[in-house]
Structure formats: structure tokens, C-alpha cells
């Protein structure tokens, strides 16, 4: 197992633990959200990260790490919603919600490993602020595709953007951890 794969696993475990605990607290109330609402939720988190990075001051005592975790978890939930569709019946068995989450995190990891191979870990030379900007770009691309009723002429679909958001946020978590060590 490569260092990057192990670091991805560590970040994914952190996110999974929070996702699982929130499932216990809130259930699957997020089932009522349309993917566009989840995109907007991710936008809020990414804009807060960028605001803190630019201002270098925050007034709410929560750093950017929980926001990157939120991006990962909301993007995974958005992928689940794309698969299952929005539902007024918000209850989904916890076990199924966890299996679906793990499926999409695993797919994100596979994508990351393939791209990481081709790009020779170029992300390691990037700044955390660049990951934030790339996530924001992916959000705005997703919003445009959503506004076009999911239709694209040449571009990847909404799901590809959510996967990229997950991976950029994981890279940010890895870099944040490395900065602490």
C-alpha cells in the first residue's frame, strides 16, 4: 500500500466516523435534499474555507478541517442521492446508508489512485488554497450542469464533479495533517 493510499484511508476513516455518528444523531433526513441543495451546501462550506484562508481570521471557533470533512460527506451523500433519487420518505436503513457511503468513497479512492498514477502525485506540490479554489470551480461547474437539467455536450457529468470534490478535499485533509506533524 502506498503512502498516499494509507493517507487517503486515514482521511476516509475520519470522515466515515463523523458520517456514521451523524446518522445516529439525525438519521437520513438528508434523503429529502435534492442534489442541487447538496451542491449549495458544499458551496457554503467551500466559501467559508476560502473566506478564512483570505481573511486569516475566523469568528466561529471551527477551523477549516471540519469544513473539508463536510465537503467529503456531502459530496458522498449527493452521489447517493443521484443513485437513489430524492425521497419524501427520509428513512433509509443505517446499514444501507453506510454501505452506499462506503461504495462512493471507495470509487473516489479508485479514481484518485488512477489519476495519482498518471499525474505523479502533482497534488503534493499544491497549496491547500488551490484545493479550495478547485472545489469551488467544481461546484460552479456542477451548478451549471444542474441548471442545464444535467445535460452536457462534451463534459463529464455531475457525478464526476462530486468525485473530484471528494478527492480534492481528501488531499487538503492530508496536507493539513502533514502541516501539523
C-alpha atoms as a PDB file:
ATOM      1  CA  UNK A   1       0.000   0.000   0.000  1.00  0.00           C
ATOM      2  CA  UNK A   2       1.380   3.403  -0.970  1.00  0.00           C
ATOM      3  CA  UNK A   3       1.757   6.300   1.433  1.00  0.00           C
ATOM      4  CA  UNK A   4      -0.962   8.191  -0.425  1.00  0.00           C
ATOM      5  CA  UNK A   5      -3.348   5.240  -0.248  1.00  0.00           C
ATOM      6  CA  UNK A   6      -2.777   4.939   3.505  1.00  0.00           C
ATOM      7  CA  UNK A   7      -3.278   8.678   3.974  1.00  0.00           C
ATOM      8  CA  UNK A   8      -6.479   8.509   1.917  1.00  0.00           C
ATOM      9  CA  UNK A   9      -7.682   5.630   4.114  1.00  0.00           C
ATOM     10  CA  UNK A  10      -6.952   7.642   7.275  1.00  0.00           C
ATOM     11  CA  UNK A  11      -8.844  10.670   5.973  1.00  0.00           C
ATOM     12  CA  UNK A  12     -11.711   8.471   4.783  1.00  0.00           C
ATOM     13  CA  UNK A  13     -11.941   6.809   8.202  1.00  0.00           C
ATOM     14  CA  UNK A  14     -12.190  10.205   9.911  1.00  0.00           C
ATOM     15  CA  UNK A  15     -14.985  11.238   7.536  1.00  0.00           C
ATOM     16  CA  UNK A  16     -16.727   7.868   7.857  1.00  0.00           C
ATOM     17  CA  UNK A  17     -16.727   8.101  11.652  1.00  0.00           C
ATOM     18  CA  UNK A  18     -18.381  11.521  11.536  1.00  0.00           C
ATOM     19  CA  UNK A  19     -20.877  10.392   8.883  1.00  0.00           C
ATOM     20  CA  UNK A  20     -21.795   7.357  10.992  1.00  0.00           C
ATOM     21  CA  UNK A  21     -22.219   9.395  14.182  1.00  0.00           C
ATOM     22  CA  UNK A  22     -24.407  11.930  12.387  1.00  0.00           C
ATOM     23  CA  UNK A  23     -26.516   9.074  11.040  1.00  0.00           C
ATOM     24  CA  UNK A  24     -27.091   8.018  14.641  1.00  0.00           C
ATOM     25  CA  UNK A  25     -27.967  11.591  15.657  1.00  0.00           C
ATOM     26  CA  UNK A  26     -30.073  12.664  12.668  1.00  0.00           C
ATOM     27  CA  UNK A  27     -30.947   9.546  10.719  1.00  0.00           C
ATOM     28  CA  UNK A  28     -31.127  10.052   6.973  1.00  0.00           C
ATOM     29  CA  UNK A  29     -33.038  13.323   6.990  1.00  0.00           C
ATOM     30  CA  UNK A  30     -30.778  14.332   4.076  1.00  0.00           C
ATOM     31  CA  UNK A  31     -32.831  11.988   1.839  1.00  0.00           C
ATOM     32  CA  UNK A  32     -35.231  14.884   1.310  1.00  0.00           C
ATOM     33  CA  UNK A  33     -32.498  17.038  -0.254  1.00  0.00           C
ATOM     34  CA  UNK A  34     -32.240  17.377  -3.990  1.00  0.00           C
ATOM     35  CA  UNK A  35     -28.707  17.109  -5.391  1.00  0.00           C
ATOM     36  CA  UNK A  36     -28.790  20.847  -6.160  1.00  0.00           C
ATOM     37  CA  UNK A  37     -29.397  21.564  -2.466  1.00  0.00           C
ATOM     38  CA  UNK A  38     -26.407  19.386  -1.589  1.00  0.00           C
ATOM     39  CA  UNK A  39     -24.313  21.273  -4.140  1.00  0.00           C
ATOM     40  CA  UNK A  40     -25.313  24.506  -2.401  1.00  0.00           C
ATOM     41  CA  UNK A  41     -24.414  23.032   0.994  1.00  0.00           C
ATOM     42  CA  UNK A  42     -20.958  22.143  -0.338  1.00  0.00           C
ATOM     43  CA  UNK A  43     -20.700  25.682  -1.742  1.00  0.00           C
ATOM     44  CA  UNK A  44     -21.325  27.158   1.727  1.00  0.00           C
ATOM     45  CA  UNK A  45     -18.545  25.037   3.220  1.00  0.00           C
ATOM     46  CA  UNK A  46     -16.049  25.824   0.441  1.00  0.00           C
ATOM     47  CA  UNK A  47     -16.813  29.555   0.584  1.00  0.00           C
ATOM     48  CA  UNK A  48     -16.244  29.548   4.357  1.00  0.00           C
ATOM     49  CA  UNK A  49     -12.881  27.846   3.873  1.00  0.00           C
ATOM     50  CA  UNK A  50     -11.873  30.400   1.240  1.00  0.00           C
ATOM     51  CA  UNK A  51     -13.052  33.273   3.441  1.00  0.00           C
ATOM     52  CA  UNK A  52     -10.938  32.040   6.363  1.00  0.00           C
ATOM     53  CA  UNK A  53      -7.945  31.491   4.083  1.00  0.00           C
ATOM     54  CA  UNK A  54      -8.183  35.010   2.655  1.00  0.00           C
ATOM     55  CA  UNK A  55      -9.040  36.893   5.859  1.00  0.00           C
ATOM     56  CA  UNK A  56      -6.746  34.758   8.029  1.00  0.00           C
ATOM     57  CA  UNK A  57      -9.279  35.348  10.814  1.00  0.00           C
ATOM     58  CA  UNK A  58     -12.344  33.392  11.819  1.00  0.00           C
ATOM     59  CA  UNK A  59     -15.077  34.338  14.246  1.00  0.00           C
ATOM     60  CA  UNK A  60     -16.635  30.899  14.612  1.00  0.00           C
ATOM     61  CA  UNK A  61     -14.459  28.513  16.596  1.00  0.00           C
ATOM     62  CA  UNK A  62     -14.399  25.796  13.944  1.00  0.00           C
ATOM     63  CA  UNK A  63     -11.444  25.592  11.641  1.00  0.00           C
ATOM     64  CA  UNK A  64     -11.295  24.553   8.027  1.00  0.00           C
ATOM     65  CA  UNK A  65     -10.677  20.864   8.732  1.00  0.00           C
ATOM     66  CA  UNK A  66     -14.334  20.169   9.665  1.00  0.00           C
ATOM     67  CA  UNK A  67     -15.427  22.043   6.546  1.00  0.00           C
ATOM     68  CA  UNK A  68     -13.304  19.808   4.281  1.00  0.00           C
ATOM     69  CA  UNK A  69     -14.786  16.782   6.073  1.00  0.00           C
ATOM     70  CA  UNK A  70     -18.239  18.232   5.429  1.00  0.00           C
ATOM     71  CA  UNK A  71     -17.444  18.627   1.726  1.00  0.00           C
ATOM     72  CA  UNK A  72     -16.439  14.972   1.512  1.00  0.00           C
ATOM     73  CA  UNK A  73     -19.514  13.760   3.354  1.00  0.00           C
ATOM     74  CA  UNK A  74     -21.978  15.991   1.495  1.00  0.00           C
ATOM     75  CA  UNK A  75     -20.442  15.001  -1.862  1.00  0.00           C
ATOM     76  CA  UNK A  76     -20.819  11.319  -0.939  1.00  0.00           C
ATOM     77  CA  UNK A  77     -24.426  11.972   0.098  1.00  0.00           C
ATOM     78  CA  UNK A  78     -25.006  13.776  -3.214  1.00  0.00           C
ATOM     79  CA  UNK A  79     -23.729  10.712  -5.086  1.00  0.00           C
ATOM     80  CA  UNK A  80     -26.114   8.548  -3.046  1.00  0.00           C
ATOM     81  CA  UNK A  81     -28.975  10.903  -3.904  1.00  0.00           C
ATOM     82  CA  UNK A  82     -28.071  10.769  -7.601  1.00  0.00           C
ATOM     83  CA  UNK A  83     -28.344   6.977  -7.408  1.00  0.00           C
ATOM     84  CA  UNK A  84     -31.478   6.695  -5.260  1.00  0.00           C
ATOM     85  CA  UNK A  85     -33.254   9.906  -6.170  1.00  0.00           C
ATOM     86  CA  UNK A  86     -34.747  12.388  -3.762  1.00  0.00           C
ATOM     87  CA  UNK A  87     -37.349  10.960  -1.394  1.00  0.00           C
ATOM     88  CA  UNK A  88     -40.011  12.459   0.838  1.00  0.00           C
ATOM     89  CA  UNK A  89     -39.664   9.273   2.893  1.00  0.00           C
ATOM     90  CA  UNK A  90     -36.446  10.227   4.649  1.00  0.00           C
ATOM     91  CA  UNK A  91     -35.774   6.931   6.351  1.00  0.00           C
ATOM     92  CA  UNK A  92     -33.067   4.745   4.910  1.00  0.00           C
ATOM     93  CA  UNK A  93     -31.684   1.918   6.999  1.00  0.00           C
ATOM     94  CA  UNK A  94     -28.435   2.978   8.661  1.00  0.00           C
ATOM     95  CA  UNK A  95     -26.637  -0.105   7.336  1.00  0.00           C
ATOM     96  CA  UNK A  96     -27.688   0.690   3.766  1.00  0.00           C
ATOM     97  CA  UNK A  97     -26.709   4.347   4.165  1.00  0.00           C
ATOM     98  CA  UNK A  98     -23.268   3.258   5.383  1.00  0.00           C
ATOM     99  CA  UNK A  99     -22.807   0.723   2.559  1.00  0.00           C
ATOM    100  CA  UNK A 100     -23.738   3.321  -0.058  1.00  0.00           C
ATOM    101  CA  UNK A 101     -21.366   5.861   1.527  1.00  0.00           C
ATOM    102  CA  UNK A 102     -18.533   3.313   1.540  1.00  0.00           C
ATOM    103  CA  UNK A 103     -19.255   2.427  -2.095  1.00  0.00           C
ATOM    104  CA  UNK A 104     -18.805   6.026  -3.235  1.00  0.00           C
ATOM    105  CA  UNK A 105     -15.757   6.705  -1.066  1.00  0.00           C
ATOM    106  CA  UNK A 106     -14.208   3.533  -2.490  1.00  0.00           C
ATOM    107  CA  UNK A 107     -14.957   4.702  -6.035  1.00  0.00           C
ATOM    108  CA  UNK A 108     -13.417   8.095  -5.228  1.00  0.00           C
ATOM    109  CA  UNK A 109     -10.311   6.326  -3.927  1.00  0.00           C
ATOM    110  CA  UNK A 110     -10.002   4.212  -7.083  1.00  0.00           C
ATOM    111  CA  UNK A 111     -10.312   7.328  -9.221  1.00  0.00           C
ATOM    112  CA  UNK A 112      -7.713   9.110  -7.080  1.00  0.00           C
ATOM    113  CA  UNK A 113      -5.263   6.207  -7.356  1.00  0.00           C
ATOM    114  CA  UNK A 114      -5.607   6.115 -11.143  1.00  0.00           C
ATOM    115  CA  UNK A 115      -5.193   9.865 -11.526  1.00  0.00           C
ATOM    116  CA  UNK A 116      -2.408   9.911  -8.945  1.00  0.00           C
ATOM    117  CA  UNK A 117      -0.519   7.356 -11.035  1.00  0.00           C
ATOM    118  CA  UNK A 118      -0.874   9.406 -14.211  1.00  0.00           C
ATOM    119  CA  UNK A 119      -0.112  12.775 -12.599  1.00  0.00           C
ATOM    120  CA  UNK A 120       2.781  11.529 -10.420  1.00  0.00           C
ATOM    121  CA  UNK A 121       1.311  12.960  -7.214  1.00  0.00           C
ATOM    122  CA  UNK A 122       1.382  16.523  -8.542  1.00  0.00           C
ATOM    123  CA  UNK A 123      -1.130  17.427  -5.813  1.00  0.00           C
ATOM    124  CA  UNK A 124       1.634  17.177  -3.208  1.00  0.00           C
ATOM    125  CA  UNK A 125       3.174  20.365  -4.644  1.00  0.00           C
ATOM    126  CA  UNK A 126      -0.108  22.243  -4.469  1.00  0.00           C
ATOM    127  CA  UNK A 127      -1.335  24.628  -1.795  1.00  0.00           C
ATOM    128  CA  UNK A 128      -4.414  23.931   0.302  1.00  0.00           C
ATOM    129  CA  UNK A 129      -5.876  27.189  -1.046  1.00  0.00           C
ATOM    130  CA  UNK A 130      -5.656  25.710  -4.563  1.00  0.00           C
ATOM    131  CA  UNK A 131      -7.732  22.723  -3.467  1.00  0.00           C
ATOM    132  CA  UNK A 132     -10.318  25.156  -2.130  1.00  0.00           C
ATOM    133  CA  UNK A 133     -10.398  27.044  -5.426  1.00  0.00           C
ATOM    134  CA  UNK A 134     -10.629  23.823  -7.443  1.00  0.00           C
ATOM    135  CA  UNK A 135     -13.504  22.607  -5.272  1.00  0.00           C
ATOM    136  CA  UNK A 136     -15.283  25.931  -5.824  1.00  0.00           C
ATOM    137  CA  UNK A 137     -14.733  25.626  -9.579  1.00  0.00           C
ATOM    138  CA  UNK A 138     -16.192  22.093  -9.499  1.00  0.00           C
ATOM    139  CA  UNK A 139     -19.181  23.401  -7.544  1.00  0.00           C
ATOM    140  CA  UNK A 140     -19.855  26.133 -10.102  1.00  0.00           C
ATOM    141  CA  UNK A 141     -19.498  23.613 -12.933  1.00  0.00           C
ATOM    142  CA  UNK A 142     -21.957  21.333 -11.143  1.00  0.00           C
ATOM    143  CA  UNK A 143     -24.419  24.185 -10.639  1.00  0.00           C
ATOM    144  CA  UNK A 144     -24.244  24.993 -14.358  1.00  0.00           C
ATOM    145  CA  UNK A 145     -24.869  21.358 -15.301  1.00  0.00           C
ATOM    146  CA  UNK A 146     -27.769  21.255 -12.826  1.00  0.00           C
ATOM    147  CA  UNK A 147     -29.176  24.433 -14.398  1.00  0.00           C
ATOM    148  CA  UNK A 148     -28.922  22.635 -17.767  1.00  0.00           C
ATOM    149  CA  UNK A 149     -31.033  19.755 -16.391  1.00  0.00           C
ATOM    150  CA  UNK A 150     -27.957  17.521 -16.147  1.00  0.00           C
ATOM    151  CA  UNK A 151     -27.176  17.742 -19.852  1.00  0.00           C
ATOM    152  CA  UNK A 152     -23.646  18.289 -21.134  1.00  0.00           C
ATOM    153  CA  UNK A 153     -22.280  18.414 -24.668  1.00  0.00           C
ATOM    154  CA  UNK A 154     -18.729  17.298 -24.026  1.00  0.00           C
ATOM    155  CA  UNK A 155     -18.075  17.443 -20.299  1.00  0.00           C
ATOM    156  CA  UNK A 156     -18.258  14.820 -17.607  1.00  0.00           C
ATOM    157  CA  UNK A 157     -21.457  14.702 -15.635  1.00  0.00           C
ATOM    158  CA  UNK A 158     -22.411  15.857 -12.170  1.00  0.00           C
ATOM    159  CA  UNK A 159     -21.131  12.672 -10.529  1.00  0.00           C
ATOM    160  CA  UNK A 160     -17.584  13.222 -11.845  1.00  0.00           C
ATOM    161  CA  UNK A 161     -17.538  16.664 -10.247  1.00  0.00           C
ATOM    162  CA  UNK A 162     -18.645  15.268  -6.886  1.00  0.00           C
ATOM    163  CA  UNK A 163     -15.888  12.648  -7.061  1.00  0.00           C
ATOM    164  CA  UNK A 164     -13.318  15.364  -7.784  1.00  0.00           C
ATOM    165  CA  UNK A 165     -14.617  17.422  -4.848  1.00  0.00           C
ATOM    166  CA  UNK A 166     -14.134  14.414  -2.577  1.00  0.00           C
ATOM    167  CA  UNK A 167     -10.593  13.848  -3.769  1.00  0.00           C
ATOM    168  CA  UNK A 168      -9.522  17.494  -3.585  1.00  0.00           C
ATOM    169  CA  UNK A 169     -10.923  17.682  -0.045  1.00  0.00           C
ATOM    170  CA  UNK A 170      -9.079  14.480   0.918  1.00  0.00           C
ATOM    171  CA  UNK A 171      -5.842  15.981  -0.425  1.00  0.00           C
ATOM    172  CA  UNK A 172      -6.486  19.070   1.697  1.00  0.00           C
ATOM    173  CA  UNK A 173      -7.020  16.896   4.804  1.00  0.00           C
ATOM    174  CA  UNK A 174      -3.775  15.055   4.094  1.00  0.00           C
ATOM    175  CA  UNK A 175      -1.849  18.301   3.669  1.00  0.00           C
ATOM    176  CA  UNK A 176      -3.413  19.759   6.832  1.00  0.00           C
ATOM    177  CA  UNK A 177      -2.333  16.657   8.756  1.00  0.00           C
ATOM    178  CA  UNK A 178       1.183  16.859   7.334  1.00  0.00           C
ATOM    179  CA  UNK A 179       1.423  20.529   8.325  1.00  0.00           C
ATOM    180  CA  UNK A 180       0.620  19.560  11.933  1.00  0.00           C
ATOM    181  CA  UNK A 181       3.251  16.816  12.062  1.00  0.00           C
END
